[in-house]
């Protein structure tokens, strides 16, 4: 009788991700896309803020492990959010990634110099998202060549 099992053992897999993520984004379509990508990781809780000021308050109240931030918000810029969260970034090692359609070199340089962990350009593939989420939630340092992810 033939066995239904394969001869090769299953490849080792990474442990499931766990953590709290705040996404600061005003475009509902982008929020839905990120929710769908996060939903593949049951141990990850996603919280959302639609404005920069609301996002800063949410981060300070909820103490997330990771923040995803759009640069173009209705009230304050993403760079201002990074500035306001600088204490959280430096004192407790908060990982904050920019997720935006803006590929302006000066914005990238400013965001990274203010403490952004990585800078991702939309549209983002699920693989880039998953890899970056895993780096942020496990504390792995990104490869310097990959700190800016392009489509």
Protein backbone atom coordinates (compact mmCIF):
# COMPACT_ATOMS: atom_id res chain seq x y z
CA UNK A 1 0.00 0.00 0.00
CA UNK A 2 1.47 3.33 -1.05
CA UNK A 3 1.96 6.01 1.55
CA UNK A 4 0.36 9.43 1.13
CA UNK A 5 3.38 10.97 2.82
CA UNK A 6 6.29 12.26 0.83
CA UNK A 7 9.74 10.86 1.33
CA UNK A 8 11.19 14.31 2.04
CA UNK A 9 10.49 15.85 5.41
CA UNK A 10 8.86 19.24 5.42
CA UNK A 11 11.24 22.15 5.18
CA UNK A 12 11.66 24.02 8.45
CA UNK A 13 9.47 27.07 8.65
CA UNK A 14 9.85 30.34 10.48
CA UNK A 15 7.84 30.65 13.70
CA UNK A 16 4.56 32.54 13.40
CA UNK A 17 4.83 36.29 13.78
CA UNK A 18 3.42 38.02 16.84
CA UNK A 19 3.10 41.70 17.52
CA UNK A 20 1.13 44.89 17.30
CA UNK A 21 1.29 47.07 14.18
CA UNK A 22 -0.04 50.60 13.71
CA UNK A 23 -0.74 51.69 10.13
CA UNK A 24 -1.03 55.46 9.62
CA UNK A 25 -2.75 55.94 6.26
CA UNK A 26 -5.69 58.00 5.02
CA UNK A 27 -6.46 56.02 1.83
CA UNK A 28 -9.00 53.30 2.62
CA UNK A 29 -7.96 51.14 -0.35
CA UNK A 30 -4.39 50.99 0.94
CA UNK A 31 -5.67 50.17 4.42
CA UNK A 32 -7.70 47.26 3.03
CA UNK A 33 -4.67 45.92 1.14
CA UNK A 34 -2.45 46.05 4.22
CA UNK A 35 -5.22 44.47 6.34
CA UNK A 36 -5.34 41.58 3.85
CA UNK A 37 -1.57 41.09 4.02
CA UNK A 38 -1.53 41.25 7.83
CA UNK A 39 -4.49 38.83 8.04
CA UNK A 40 -2.17 36.06 6.82
CA UNK A 41 -0.38 36.39 10.18
CA UNK A 42 -2.95 35.56 12.91
CA UNK A 43 -0.58 36.59 15.70
CA UNK A 44 -0.27 40.14 14.37
CA UNK A 45 -2.76 42.78 15.47
CA UNK A 46 -3.28 45.73 13.12
CA UNK A 47 -4.46 49.11 14.41
CA UNK A 48 -5.21 51.99 12.06
CA UNK A 49 -5.08 55.78 12.22
CA UNK A 50 -6.24 57.98 9.32
CA UNK A 51 -4.28 61.12 10.27
CA UNK A 52 -0.78 61.84 11.46
CA UNK A 53 -1.84 63.31 14.79
CA UNK A 54 -4.22 60.43 15.47
CA UNK A 55 -1.38 58.06 14.58
CA UNK A 56 1.08 59.66 16.99
CA UNK A 57 -1.49 59.39 19.80
CA UNK A 58 -2.29 55.78 18.89
CA UNK A 59 1.39 54.82 18.89
CA UNK A 60 1.95 56.44 22.28
CA UNK A 61 -1.16 54.84 23.78
CA UNK A 62 -0.82 51.33 22.31
CA UNK A 63 3.00 50.95 22.31
CA UNK A 64 3.11 48.89 19.09
CA UNK A 65 6.06 46.85 17.92
CA UNK A 66 5.96 48.26 14.41
CA UNK A 67 4.56 51.30 12.58
CA UNK A 68 3.76 51.62 8.89
CA UNK A 69 3.46 55.25 7.81
CA UNK A 70 2.30 57.01 4.67
CA UNK A 71 4.09 60.26 3.82
CA UNK A 72 1.04 62.17 2.55
CA UNK A 73 -1.48 62.58 5.34
CA UNK A 74 -4.34 65.08 5.57
CA UNK A 75 -3.06 66.97 8.61
CA UNK A 76 0.72 66.68 9.06
CA UNK A 77 3.40 65.12 6.87
CA UNK A 78 4.82 61.68 7.42
CA UNK A 79 8.17 63.32 8.14
CA UNK A 80 6.56 65.28 10.98
CA UNK A 81 5.13 62.02 12.38
CA UNK A 82 8.63 60.49 12.32
CA UNK A 83 9.99 63.57 14.12
CA UNK A 84 7.27 63.36 16.77
CA UNK A 85 7.90 59.65 17.32
CA UNK A 86 11.68 60.03 17.49
CA UNK A 87 11.76 59.36 21.24
CA UNK A 88 9.87 56.08 20.77
CA UNK A 89 12.17 55.12 17.90
CA UNK A 90 15.37 55.81 19.81
CA UNK A 91 14.45 54.92 23.40
CA UNK A 92 12.46 51.74 22.93
CA UNK A 93 13.63 50.68 19.48
CA UNK A 94 10.29 51.18 17.74
CA UNK A 95 10.51 50.05 14.13
CA UNK A 96 8.85 52.54 11.77
CA UNK A 97 8.65 51.91 8.04
CA UNK A 98 7.56 54.43 5.47
CA UNK A 99 5.06 52.92 3.00
CA UNK A 100 4.36 55.49 0.30
CA UNK A 101 4.19 56.25 -3.39
CA UNK A 102 6.69 59.09 -2.97
CA UNK A 103 10.07 58.20 -4.41
CA UNK A 104 11.58 61.64 -3.82
CA UNK A 105 15.22 61.20 -2.90
CA UNK A 106 15.22 64.03 -0.35
CA UNK A 107 12.19 62.57 1.47
CA UNK A 108 13.86 59.17 1.59
CA UNK A 109 17.07 60.68 3.00
CA UNK A 110 15.15 62.77 5.57
CA UNK A 111 12.98 59.86 6.70
CA UNK A 112 15.94 57.52 7.10
CA UNK A 113 17.98 60.15 8.94
CA UNK A 114 15.08 60.74 11.34
CA UNK A 115 15.00 57.06 12.27
CA UNK A 116 12.81 55.24 9.75
CA UNK A 117 13.72 51.55 9.71
CA UNK A 118 12.93 50.99 6.03
CA UNK A 119 11.35 52.95 3.16
CA UNK A 120 8.90 50.99 1.01
CA UNK A 121 7.42 52.23 -2.26
CA UNK A 122 3.85 51.41 -3.29
CA UNK A 123 2.63 49.20 -4.74
CA UNK A 124 4.18 46.67 -2.42
CA UNK A 125 4.33 42.97 -3.17
CA UNK A 126 3.15 40.53 -0.49
CA UNK A 127 6.65 38.99 -0.38
CA UNK A 128 8.35 42.33 0.32
CA UNK A 129 5.68 43.07 2.94
CA UNK A 130 6.06 39.70 4.67
CA UNK A 131 9.86 39.86 4.66
CA UNK A 132 9.83 43.41 6.07
CA UNK A 133 7.20 42.58 8.67
CA UNK A 134 9.28 39.62 9.81
CA UNK A 135 12.43 41.77 10.04
CA UNK A 136 10.63 44.43 12.07
CA UNK A 137 8.87 42.06 14.47
CA UNK A 138 11.89 39.83 15.05
CA UNK A 139 14.40 42.67 15.37
CA UNK A 140 16.47 41.60 12.40
CA UNK A 141 18.40 44.47 10.89
CA UNK A 142 17.61 45.02 7.24
CA UNK A 143 20.40 44.60 4.73
CA UNK A 144 21.53 48.18 3.99
CA UNK A 145 20.88 47.57 0.30
CA UNK A 146 17.28 46.57 1.10
CA UNK A 147 16.32 49.40 3.43
CA UNK A 148 14.59 50.98 0.44
CA UNK A 149 12.19 48.55 -1.21
CA UNK A 150 10.94 49.31 -4.68
CA UNK A 151 8.00 47.61 -6.25
